[in-house]
């Protein structure tokens, strides 16, 4: 099957009542873990990379988005399940524009430092650029708290997306999907979060664009399943994937001990390879989420 448009993914998800997972990657092993999971679960999937991390000025080496695109596109194109490639959640307009030019199927611009009117204007600008290239855009009215990783408990006043304002935002920006705030917070699994499921229902009734949940790692899994039932069609998963990958590598490294064979522990693909351990552990978690989101086996009959 390979790459399909984001719109086609969302049409099928709406028709058959499931959500497509975006499982964020950061290198080849993590990207292949998501691809392996999608193939094994026969699930539609969204692959991609962080628009916060790749352009971050504190990186020790400069990254080139074209390299990540080439890797992601090659993996998407050879998959036997429907796939789309996302450049996610970036405040760097020039990077978002480059992602469209390179061929990413979905892009997202967001900048919590902008005034609301300026955010609307920039998101609309991204939508126009994306649509002209046959791509799609995602937007959000407010960024979720805790994206920097500093929160340990939910804040007492986390804002919820207003249905009428959401309708106006989608109309003004012409986004192809809307990331909503219904109680989720970026806590990176440190504390459980419950969703305002009635707000999901109200937003589904008010907004024509597919609804998206970011920050799934800390959300109670029963609430994620209910959110899908109430109309969420895309769910972003990130922190738990990195945690799983790192813990598996750490355990594999500990097993290797001081007398390790360097040709085995990195790049060999054998059980002693710490990167292979991370990839296998991450694949398992991704498949579990695909089952939860209802997307497993949906590549059949797509």
C-alpha atoms as a PDB file:
ATOM      1  CA  UNK A   1       0.000   0.000   0.000  1.00  0.00           C
ATOM      2  CA  UNK A   2       2.642   2.555   1.038  1.00  0.00           C
ATOM      3  CA  UNK A   3       2.036   6.278   1.269  1.00  0.00           C
ATOM      4  CA  UNK A   4      -1.483   7.659   1.115  1.00  0.00           C
ATOM      5  CA  UNK A   5      -2.774  11.147   1.801  1.00  0.00           C
ATOM      6  CA  UNK A   6      -3.646  12.164   5.319  1.00  0.00           C
ATOM      7  CA  UNK A   7      -7.165  12.875   4.116  1.00  0.00           C
ATOM      8  CA  UNK A   8      -7.587   9.307   2.946  1.00  0.00           C
ATOM      9  CA  UNK A   9      -6.354   7.982   6.290  1.00  0.00           C
ATOM     10  CA  UNK A  10      -8.873  10.138   8.119  1.00  0.00           C
ATOM     11  CA  UNK A  11     -11.744   9.214   5.792  1.00  0.00           C
ATOM     12  CA  UNK A  12     -11.245   5.526   6.478  1.00  0.00           C
ATOM     13  CA  UNK A  13     -10.774   6.070  10.213  1.00  0.00           C
ATOM     14  CA  UNK A  14     -14.041   8.014  10.358  1.00  0.00           C
ATOM     15  CA  UNK A  15     -15.907   5.477   8.253  1.00  0.00           C
ATOM     16  CA  UNK A  16     -14.802   2.530  10.374  1.00  0.00           C
ATOM     17  CA  UNK A  17     -14.544   4.235  13.762  1.00  0.00           C
ATOM     18  CA  UNK A  18     -10.882   3.991  14.749  1.00  0.00           C
ATOM     19  CA  UNK A  19      -7.946   6.325  15.356  1.00  0.00           C
ATOM     20  CA  UNK A  20      -4.635   6.326  13.488  1.00  0.00           C
ATOM     21  CA  UNK A  21      -1.612   6.572  15.743  1.00  0.00           C
ATOM     22  CA  UNK A  22       1.271   8.945  15.165  1.00  0.00           C
ATOM     23  CA  UNK A  23       4.249   7.300  16.844  1.00  0.00           C
ATOM     24  CA  UNK A  24       7.095   9.797  16.933  1.00  0.00           C
ATOM     25  CA  UNK A  25      10.543   8.624  15.830  1.00  0.00           C
ATOM     26  CA  UNK A  26      13.993  10.163  16.203  1.00  0.00           C
ATOM     27  CA  UNK A  27      16.349   7.827  14.318  1.00  0.00           C
ATOM     28  CA  UNK A  28      16.343   4.818  12.017  1.00  0.00           C
ATOM     29  CA  UNK A  29      15.789   2.185  14.719  1.00  0.00           C
ATOM     30  CA  UNK A  30      12.794   3.980  16.218  1.00  0.00           C
ATOM     31  CA  UNK A  31      11.272   4.594  12.795  1.00  0.00           C
ATOM     32  CA  UNK A  32      11.680   0.932  11.887  1.00  0.00           C
ATOM     33  CA  UNK A  33      10.115  -0.104  15.199  1.00  0.00           C
ATOM     34  CA  UNK A  34       6.954   1.799  14.233  1.00  0.00           C
ATOM     35  CA  UNK A  35       7.039   0.335  10.721  1.00  0.00           C
ATOM     36  CA  UNK A  36       7.508  -3.189  12.093  1.00  0.00           C
ATOM     37  CA  UNK A  37       4.534  -2.698  14.405  1.00  0.00           C
ATOM     38  CA  UNK A  38       2.299  -1.390  11.626  1.00  0.00           C
ATOM     39  CA  UNK A  39       3.196  -4.298   9.376  1.00  0.00           C
ATOM     40  CA  UNK A  40       2.692  -6.884  12.120  1.00  0.00           C
ATOM     41  CA  UNK A  41      -0.607  -5.365  13.272  1.00  0.00           C
ATOM     42  CA  UNK A  42      -1.743  -4.658   9.697  1.00  0.00           C
ATOM     43  CA  UNK A  43      -2.526  -1.143  10.827  1.00  0.00           C
ATOM     44  CA  UNK A  44      -2.620   2.208   9.042  1.00  0.00           C
ATOM     45  CA  UNK A  45       0.048   4.416  10.576  1.00  0.00           C
ATOM     46  CA  UNK A  46       1.508   7.916  10.694  1.00  0.00           C
ATOM     47  CA  UNK A  47       5.294   8.033  10.917  1.00  0.00           C
ATOM     48  CA  UNK A  48       7.345  11.140  11.463  1.00  0.00           C
ATOM     49  CA  UNK A  49       9.651  13.349  13.441  1.00  0.00           C
ATOM     50  CA  UNK A  50       9.562  16.144  15.998  1.00  0.00           C
ATOM     51  CA  UNK A  51       9.514  19.718  14.785  1.00  0.00           C
ATOM     52  CA  UNK A  52      10.601  20.761  18.267  1.00  0.00           C
ATOM     53  CA  UNK A  53      13.608  18.457  18.585  1.00  0.00           C
ATOM     54  CA  UNK A  54      15.168  18.534  15.112  1.00  0.00           C
ATOM     55  CA  UNK A  55      15.604  22.332  14.850  1.00  0.00           C
ATOM     56  CA  UNK A  56      16.435  22.799  18.549  1.00  0.00           C
ATOM     57  CA  UNK A  57      19.342  25.243  18.942  1.00  0.00           C
ATOM     58  CA  UNK A  58      20.863  23.244  21.807  1.00  0.00           C
ATOM     59  CA  UNK A  59      21.514  20.179  19.620  1.00  0.00           C
ATOM     60  CA  UNK A  60      25.192  19.245  19.590  1.00  0.00           C
ATOM     61  CA  UNK A  61      25.104  18.622  15.837  1.00  0.00           C
ATOM     62  CA  UNK A  62      23.048  20.304  13.133  1.00  0.00           C
ATOM     63  CA  UNK A  63      20.326  18.175  11.595  1.00  0.00           C
ATOM     64  CA  UNK A  64      19.147  18.276   7.988  1.00  0.00           C
ATOM     65  CA  UNK A  65      15.434  17.707   7.508  1.00  0.00           C
ATOM     66  CA  UNK A  66      16.031  16.297   4.028  1.00  0.00           C
ATOM     67  CA  UNK A  67      17.897  13.343   5.561  1.00  0.00           C
ATOM     68  CA  UNK A  68      14.988  12.505   7.845  1.00  0.00           C
ATOM     69  CA  UNK A  69      12.507  12.925   5.009  1.00  0.00           C
ATOM     70  CA  UNK A  70      14.446  10.540   2.764  1.00  0.00           C
ATOM     71  CA  UNK A  71      14.494   7.906   5.493  1.00  0.00           C
ATOM     72  CA  UNK A  72      10.828   8.339   6.417  1.00  0.00           C
ATOM     73  CA  UNK A  73       9.646   8.386   2.813  1.00  0.00           C
ATOM     74  CA  UNK A  74      11.575   5.222   1.959  1.00  0.00           C
ATOM     75  CA  UNK A  75      10.049   3.370   4.904  1.00  0.00           C
ATOM     76  CA  UNK A  76       6.533   4.622   4.163  1.00  0.00           C
ATOM     77  CA  UNK A  77       6.778   3.693   0.508  1.00  0.00           C
ATOM     78  CA  UNK A  78       7.797   0.079   1.091  1.00  0.00           C
ATOM     79  CA  UNK A  79       5.208  -0.631   3.803  1.00  0.00           C
ATOM     80  CA  UNK A  80       2.344  -2.970   2.852  1.00  0.00           C
ATOM     81  CA  UNK A  81      -0.068  -0.871   4.966  1.00  0.00           C
ATOM     82  CA  UNK A  82      -1.376   2.708   4.452  1.00  0.00           C
ATOM     83  CA  UNK A  83       1.111   5.254   5.789  1.00  0.00           C
ATOM     84  CA  UNK A  84       1.587   9.000   5.980  1.00  0.00           C
ATOM     85  CA  UNK A  85       4.657  11.036   6.961  1.00  0.00           C
ATOM     86  CA  UNK A  86       4.375  13.904   9.469  1.00  0.00           C
ATOM     87  CA  UNK A  87       6.629  16.791  10.464  1.00  0.00           C
ATOM     88  CA  UNK A  88       5.118  17.432  13.849  1.00  0.00           C
ATOM     89  CA  UNK A  89       4.512  20.443  16.073  1.00  0.00           C
ATOM     90  CA  UNK A  90       7.095  23.043  15.102  1.00  0.00           C
ATOM     91  CA  UNK A  91       7.367  26.745  15.884  1.00  0.00           C
ATOM     92  CA  UNK A  92       9.950  27.148  13.103  1.00  0.00           C
ATOM     93  CA  UNK A  93       7.982  28.293  10.082  1.00  0.00           C
ATOM     94  CA  UNK A  94      10.925  27.842   7.717  1.00  0.00           C
ATOM     95  CA  UNK A  95      11.268  24.200   8.755  1.00  0.00           C
ATOM     96  CA  UNK A  96       7.562  23.599   8.251  1.00  0.00           C
ATOM     97  CA  UNK A  97       7.724  25.168   4.795  1.00  0.00           C
ATOM     98  CA  UNK A  98      10.739  22.996   3.940  1.00  0.00           C
ATOM     99  CA  UNK A  99       8.857  19.908   5.133  1.00  0.00           C
ATOM    100  CA  UNK A 100       6.078  20.716   2.671  1.00  0.00           C
ATOM    101  CA  UNK A 101       8.599  21.278  -0.119  1.00  0.00           C
ATOM    102  CA  UNK A 102      10.327  17.972   0.608  1.00  0.00           C
ATOM    103  CA  UNK A 103       7.081  16.009   0.478  1.00  0.00           C
ATOM    104  CA  UNK A 104       5.849  15.380   4.028  1.00  0.00           C
ATOM    105  CA  UNK A 105       2.157  14.513   3.795  1.00  0.00           C
ATOM    106  CA  UNK A 106       1.186  16.309   7.007  1.00  0.00           C
ATOM    107  CA  UNK A 107       2.781  19.266   8.792  1.00  0.00           C
ATOM    108  CA  UNK A 108       1.996  21.146  11.968  1.00  0.00           C
ATOM    109  CA  UNK A 109       2.930  24.694  12.938  1.00  0.00           C
ATOM    110  CA  UNK A 110       2.326  25.892  16.481  1.00  0.00           C
ATOM    111  CA  UNK A 111       3.949  28.582  18.587  1.00  0.00           C
ATOM    112  CA  UNK A 112       2.656  29.167  22.102  1.00  0.00           C
ATOM    113  CA  UNK A 113       4.561  32.456  22.264  1.00  0.00           C
ATOM    114  CA  UNK A 114       2.378  34.029  19.558  1.00  0.00           C
ATOM    115  CA  UNK A 115      -0.741  36.040  20.256  1.00  0.00           C
ATOM    116  CA  UNK A 116      -3.877  34.173  19.219  1.00  0.00           C
ATOM    117  CA  UNK A 117      -4.496  36.281  16.089  1.00  0.00           C
ATOM    118  CA  UNK A 118      -0.891  35.776  14.972  1.00  0.00           C
ATOM    119  CA  UNK A 119      -1.134  32.047  15.580  1.00  0.00           C
ATOM    120  CA  UNK A 120      -4.265  31.889  13.424  1.00  0.00           C
ATOM    121  CA  UNK A 121      -2.542  33.851  10.656  1.00  0.00           C
ATOM    122  CA  UNK A 122       0.551  31.629  10.654  1.00  0.00           C
ATOM    123  CA  UNK A 123      -1.427  28.399  10.748  1.00  0.00           C
ATOM    124  CA  UNK A 124      -3.554  29.622   7.828  1.00  0.00           C
ATOM    125  CA  UNK A 125      -0.364  30.464   5.948  1.00  0.00           C
ATOM    126  CA  UNK A 126       0.904  26.916   6.531  1.00  0.00           C
ATOM    127  CA  UNK A 127      -2.432  25.471   5.403  1.00  0.00           C
ATOM    128  CA  UNK A 128      -2.256  27.447   2.169  1.00  0.00           C
ATOM    129  CA  UNK A 129       1.298  26.269   1.464  1.00  0.00           C
ATOM    130  CA  UNK A 130       0.481  22.672   2.333  1.00  0.00           C
ATOM    131  CA  UNK A 131      -2.702  22.524   0.279  1.00  0.00           C
ATOM    132  CA  UNK A 132      -0.954  23.988  -2.759  1.00  0.00           C
ATOM    133  CA  UNK A 133       1.496  21.075  -2.563  1.00  0.00           C
ATOM    134  CA  UNK A 134      -1.158  18.401  -1.998  1.00  0.00           C
ATOM    135  CA  UNK A 135      -0.274  18.034   1.693  1.00  0.00           C
ATOM    136  CA  UNK A 136      -2.329  18.568   4.854  1.00  0.00           C
ATOM    137  CA  UNK A 137      -1.940  20.765   7.918  1.00  0.00           C
ATOM    138  CA  UNK A 138      -2.744  20.271  11.577  1.00  0.00           C
ATOM    139  CA  UNK A 139      -3.351  23.052  14.063  1.00  0.00           C
ATOM    140  CA  UNK A 140      -4.047  23.660  17.712  1.00  0.00           C
ATOM    141  CA  UNK A 141      -5.536  26.616  19.544  1.00  0.00           C
ATOM    142  CA  UNK A 142      -3.444  26.156  22.691  1.00  0.00           C
ATOM    143  CA  UNK A 143      -0.335  24.083  23.366  1.00  0.00           C
ATOM    144  CA  UNK A 144      -0.647  21.413  26.038  1.00  0.00           C
ATOM    145  CA  UNK A 145       1.151  22.177  29.329  1.00  0.00           C
ATOM    146  CA  UNK A 146       4.381  20.338  30.074  1.00  0.00           C
ATOM    147  CA  UNK A 147       5.882  19.944  26.627  1.00  0.00           C
ATOM    148  CA  UNK A 148       9.308  20.874  28.058  1.00  0.00           C
ATOM    149  CA  UNK A 149       9.154  17.921  30.439  1.00  0.00           C
ATOM    150  CA  UNK A 150       9.119  19.911  33.682  1.00  0.00           C
ATOM    151  CA  UNK A 151       5.670  18.959  35.028  1.00  0.00           C
ATOM    152  CA  UNK A 152       5.181  16.126  37.507  1.00  0.00           C
ATOM    153  CA  UNK A 153       1.487  16.584  38.310  1.00  0.00           C
ATOM    154  CA  UNK A 154      -1.369  18.076  36.265  1.00  0.00           C
ATOM    155  CA  UNK A 155      -1.754  21.859  36.686  1.00  0.00           C
ATOM    156  CA  UNK A 156      -4.991  22.928  38.384  1.00  0.00           C
ATOM    157  CA  UNK A 157      -6.090  25.222  35.563  1.00  0.00           C
ATOM    158  CA  UNK A 158      -5.303  23.388  32.336  1.00  0.00           C
ATOM    159  CA  UNK A 159      -7.459  25.021  29.619  1.00  0.00           C
ATOM    160  CA  UNK A 160     -10.004  22.971  27.681  1.00  0.00           C
ATOM    161  CA  UNK A 161     -10.779  23.592  24.017  1.00  0.00           C
ATOM    162  CA  UNK A 162     -14.007  25.541  23.569  1.00  0.00           C
ATOM    163  CA  UNK A 163     -16.225  23.960  20.871  1.00  0.00           C
ATOM    164  CA  UNK A 164     -17.448  27.231  19.346  1.00  0.00           C
ATOM    165  CA  UNK A 165     -13.977  28.760  19.273  1.00  0.00           C
ATOM    166  CA  UNK A 166     -12.672  25.525  17.788  1.00  0.00           C
ATOM    167  CA  UNK A 167     -15.218  25.786  14.991  1.00  0.00           C
ATOM    168  CA  UNK A 168     -14.083  29.344  14.292  1.00  0.00           C
ATOM    169  CA  UNK A 169     -10.403  28.334  14.386  1.00  0.00           C
ATOM    170  CA  UNK A 170     -10.880  25.532  11.866  1.00  0.00           C
ATOM    171  CA  UNK A 171     -12.829  27.848   9.559  1.00  0.00           C
ATOM    172  CA  UNK A 172     -10.209  30.612   9.796  1.00  0.00           C
ATOM    173  CA  UNK A 173      -7.147  28.388   9.370  1.00  0.00           C
ATOM    174  CA  UNK A 174      -8.551  25.691   7.056  1.00  0.00           C
ATOM    175  CA  UNK A 175      -6.603  23.029   8.944  1.00  0.00           C
ATOM    176  CA  UNK A 176      -7.180  19.399   8.019  1.00  0.00           C
ATOM    177  CA  UNK A 177      -7.108  18.228  11.642  1.00  0.00           C
ATOM    178  CA  UNK A 178      -7.435  19.901  15.022  1.00  0.00           C
ATOM    179  CA  UNK A 179      -5.414  18.998  18.112  1.00  0.00           C
ATOM    180  CA  UNK A 180      -7.695  19.467  21.107  1.00  0.00           C
ATOM    181  CA  UNK A 181      -7.166  19.944  24.822  1.00  0.00           C
ATOM    182  CA  UNK A 182      -9.595  17.850  26.853  1.00  0.00           C
ATOM    183  CA  UNK A 183      -7.592  17.271  30.024  1.00  0.00           C
ATOM    184  CA  UNK A 184      -4.411  15.692  28.722  1.00  0.00           C
ATOM    185  CA  UNK A 185      -1.048  17.100  29.847  1.00  0.00           C
ATOM    186  CA  UNK A 186       2.543  16.259  28.914  1.00  0.00           C
ATOM    187  CA  UNK A 187       3.533  14.449  32.126  1.00  0.00           C
ATOM    188  CA  UNK A 188       5.627  11.789  30.356  1.00  0.00           C
ATOM    189  CA  UNK A 189       3.944   9.019  32.339  1.00  0.00           C
ATOM    190  CA  UNK A 190       4.806  10.477  35.761  1.00  0.00           C
ATOM    191  CA  UNK A 191       1.181  10.813  36.806  1.00  0.00           C
ATOM    192  CA  UNK A 192      -2.106   9.501  35.349  1.00  0.00           C
ATOM    193  CA  UNK A 193      -4.462  11.860  33.526  1.00  0.00           C
ATOM    194  CA  UNK A 194      -8.189  11.524  32.890  1.00  0.00           C
ATOM    195  CA  UNK A 195      -9.969  13.094  29.932  1.00  0.00           C
ATOM    196  CA  UNK A 196     -13.084  15.250  29.849  1.00  0.00           C
ATOM    197  CA  UNK A 197     -14.940  12.869  27.570  1.00  0.00           C
ATOM    198  CA  UNK A 198     -18.058  15.023  27.396  1.00  0.00           C
ATOM    199  CA  UNK A 199     -15.876  17.777  25.931  1.00  0.00           C
ATOM    200  CA  UNK A 200     -14.700  15.337  23.243  1.00  0.00           C
ATOM    201  CA  UNK A 201     -18.337  14.677  22.336  1.00  0.00           C
ATOM    202  CA  UNK A 202     -19.099  18.406  22.171  1.00  0.00           C
ATOM    203  CA  UNK A 203     -16.069  19.101  19.993  1.00  0.00           C
ATOM    204  CA  UNK A 204     -16.950  16.266  17.641  1.00  0.00           C
ATOM    205  CA  UNK A 205     -20.385  17.822  17.160  1.00  0.00           C
ATOM    206  CA  UNK A 206     -18.966  21.310  16.586  1.00  0.00           C
ATOM    207  CA  UNK A 207     -15.932  20.675  14.371  1.00  0.00           C
ATOM    208  CA  UNK A 208     -15.824  19.116  10.916  1.00  0.00           C
ATOM    209  CA  UNK A 209     -12.050  18.530  10.894  1.00  0.00           C
ATOM    210  CA  UNK A 210     -10.760  15.260  12.398  1.00  0.00           C
ATOM    211  CA  UNK A 211      -9.969  15.564  16.110  1.00  0.00           C
ATOM    212  CA  UNK A 212      -6.481  14.802  17.407  1.00  0.00           C
ATOM    213  CA  UNK A 213      -5.179  13.981  20.880  1.00  0.00           C
ATOM    214  CA  UNK A 214      -1.591  14.858  21.742  1.00  0.00           C
ATOM    215  CA  UNK A 215       0.110  13.682  24.934  1.00  0.00           C
ATOM    216  CA  UNK A 216      -1.299  10.162  25.057  1.00  0.00           C
ATOM    217  CA  UNK A 217       1.424   8.660  27.271  1.00  0.00           C
ATOM    218  CA  UNK A 218      -0.076   9.832  30.571  1.00  0.00           C
ATOM    219  CA  UNK A 219      -3.736   9.356  29.637  1.00  0.00           C
ATOM    220  CA  UNK A 220      -5.651   6.438  31.161  1.00  0.00           C
ATOM    221  CA  UNK A 221      -5.978   3.808  28.447  1.00  0.00           C
ATOM    222  CA  UNK A 222      -9.693   3.372  29.091  1.00  0.00           C
ATOM    223  CA  UNK A 223     -10.121   7.089  28.389  1.00  0.00           C
ATOM    224  CA  UNK A 224      -8.145   6.805  25.145  1.00  0.00           C
ATOM    225  CA  UNK A 225     -10.456   4.034  23.992  1.00  0.00           C
ATOM    226  CA  UNK A 226     -13.491   6.128  24.923  1.00  0.00           C
ATOM    227  CA  UNK A 227     -12.087   9.164  23.107  1.00  0.00           C
ATOM    228  CA  UNK A 228     -11.807   7.074  19.941  1.00  0.00           C
ATOM    229  CA  UNK A 229     -15.368   5.875  20.449  1.00  0.00           C
ATOM    230  CA  UNK A 230     -16.488   9.518  20.726  1.00  0.00           C
ATOM    231  CA  UNK A 231     -14.764  10.596  17.531  1.00  0.00           C
ATOM    232  CA  UNK A 232     -11.021  11.225  17.968  1.00  0.00           C
ATOM    233  CA  UNK A 233      -9.338  10.043  14.771  1.00  0.00           C
ATOM    234  CA  UNK A 234      -5.610  10.639  15.378  1.00  0.00           C
ATOM    235  CA  UNK A 235      -3.604  10.120  18.562  1.00  0.00           C
ATOM    236  CA  UNK A 236       0.011  11.175  19.131  1.00  0.00           C
ATOM    237  CA  UNK A 237       2.288   8.936  21.199  1.00  0.00           C
ATOM    238  CA  UNK A 238       5.795  10.012  22.134  1.00  0.00           C
ATOM    239  CA  UNK A 239       7.224   9.867  25.664  1.00  0.00           C
ATOM    240  CA  UNK A 240       6.460   6.230  26.381  1.00  0.00           C
ATOM    241  CA  UNK A 241       8.245   5.213  23.183  1.00  0.00           C
ATOM    242  CA  UNK A 242      11.479   6.933  24.199  1.00  0.00           C
ATOM    243  CA  UNK A 243      11.185   5.614  27.744  1.00  0.00           C
ATOM    244  CA  UNK A 244      10.659   2.072  26.472  1.00  0.00           C
ATOM    245  CA  UNK A 245      13.521   2.313  23.999  1.00  0.00           C
ATOM    246  CA  UNK A 246      15.925   3.730  26.574  1.00  0.00           C
ATOM    247  CA  UNK A 247      15.066   1.230  29.307  1.00  0.00           C
ATOM    248  CA  UNK A 248      15.505  -1.679  26.909  1.00  0.00           C
ATOM    249  CA  UNK A 249      18.889  -0.334  25.802  1.00  0.00           C
ATOM    250  CA  UNK A 250      19.949   0.256  29.392  1.00  0.00           C
ATOM    251  CA  UNK A 251      19.043  -3.287  30.389  1.00  0.00           C
ATOM    252  CA  UNK A 252      20.843  -4.713  27.342  1.00  0.00           C
ATOM    253  CA  UNK A 253      23.902  -2.616  28.150  1.00  0.00           C
ATOM    254  CA  UNK A 254      23.939  -3.874  31.713  1.00  0.00           C
ATOM    255  CA  UNK A 255      23.776  -7.466  30.493  1.00  0.00           C
ATOM    256  CA  UNK A 256      26.729  -6.859  28.197  1.00  0.00           C
ATOM    257  CA  UNK A 257      29.016  -6.006  31.117  1.00  0.00           C
ATOM    258  CA  UNK A 258      32.542  -4.654  30.797  1.00  0.00           C
ATOM    259  CA  UNK A 259      33.856  -7.458  28.578  1.00  0.00           C
ATOM    260  CA  UNK A 260      31.486  -6.723  25.712  1.00  0.00           C
ATOM    261  CA  UNK A 261      32.212  -7.374  22.053  1.00  0.00           C
ATOM    262  CA  UNK A 262      31.782  -4.017  20.248  1.00  0.00           C
ATOM    263  CA  UNK A 263      30.777  -5.801  17.063  1.00  0.00           C
ATOM    264  CA  UNK A 264      27.875  -7.411  18.886  1.00  0.00           C
ATOM    265  CA  UNK A 265      26.527  -4.631  21.105  1.00  0.00           C
ATOM    266  CA  UNK A 266      26.073  -1.997  18.378  1.00  0.00           C
ATOM    267  CA  UNK A 267      24.799  -2.635  14.878  1.00  0.00           C
ATOM    268  CA  UNK A 268      24.909  -6.434  14.804  1.00  0.00           C
ATOM    269  CA  UNK A 269      21.175  -7.062  15.136  1.00  0.00           C
ATOM    270  CA  UNK A 270      21.841 -10.067  17.373  1.00  0.00           C
ATOM    271  CA  UNK A 271      20.300 -10.331  20.876  1.00  0.00           C
ATOM    272  CA  UNK A 272      23.305  -8.560  22.429  1.00  0.00           C
ATOM    273  CA  UNK A 273      22.715  -5.428  20.265  1.00  0.00           C
ATOM    274  CA  UNK A 274      21.403  -2.641  22.510  1.00  0.00           C
ATOM    275  CA  UNK A 275      19.747  -0.812  19.598  1.00  0.00           C
ATOM    276  CA  UNK A 276      17.958  -3.973  18.482  1.00  0.00           C
ATOM    277  CA  UNK A 277      16.703  -4.418  22.040  1.00  0.00           C
ATOM    278  CA  UNK A 278      15.268  -0.908  22.004  1.00  0.00           C
ATOM    279  CA  UNK A 279      13.653  -1.449  18.642  1.00  0.00           C
ATOM    280  CA  UNK A 280      11.980  -4.714  19.674  1.00  0.00           C
ATOM    281  CA  UNK A 281      10.659  -3.278  22.930  1.00  0.00           C
ATOM    282  CA  UNK A 282       9.301  -0.185  21.211  1.00  0.00           C
ATOM    283  CA  UNK A 283       7.573  -2.252  18.520  1.00  0.00           C
ATOM    284  CA  UNK A 284       5.681  -4.157  21.211  1.00  0.00           C
ATOM    285  CA  UNK A 285       4.382  -0.948  22.804  1.00  0.00           C
ATOM    286  CA  UNK A 286       3.338   0.530  19.458  1.00  0.00           C
ATOM    287  CA  UNK A 287       1.373  -2.614  18.619  1.00  0.00           C
ATOM    288  CA  UNK A 288      -0.415  -2.407  21.963  1.00  0.00           C
ATOM    289  CA  UNK A 289      -1.511   1.150  21.163  1.00  0.00           C
ATOM    290  CA  UNK A 290      -2.668   0.131  17.696  1.00  0.00           C
ATOM    291  CA  UNK A 291      -4.924  -2.469  19.282  1.00  0.00           C
ATOM    292  CA  UNK A 292      -6.210   0.128  21.751  1.00  0.00           C
ATOM    293  CA  UNK A 293      -6.920   2.681  19.011  1.00  0.00           C
ATOM    294  CA  UNK A 294      -8.813   0.099  16.951  1.00  0.00           C
ATOM    295  CA  UNK A 295      -6.501   0.476  13.949  1.00  0.00           C
ATOM    296  CA  UNK A 296      -5.070  -3.061  14.060  1.00  0.00           C
ATOM    297  CA  UNK A 297      -6.191  -5.094  11.032  1.00  0.00           C
ATOM    298  CA  UNK A 298      -7.737  -1.987   9.433  1.00  0.00           C
ATOM    299  CA  UNK A 299      -5.211  -2.111   6.594  1.00  0.00           C
ATOM    300  CA  UNK A 300      -7.362  -5.007   5.443  1.00  0.00           C
ATOM    301  CA  UNK A 301     -10.139  -3.552   3.297  1.00  0.00           C
ATOM    302  CA  UNK A 302      -8.583  -0.073   3.283  1.00  0.00           C
END
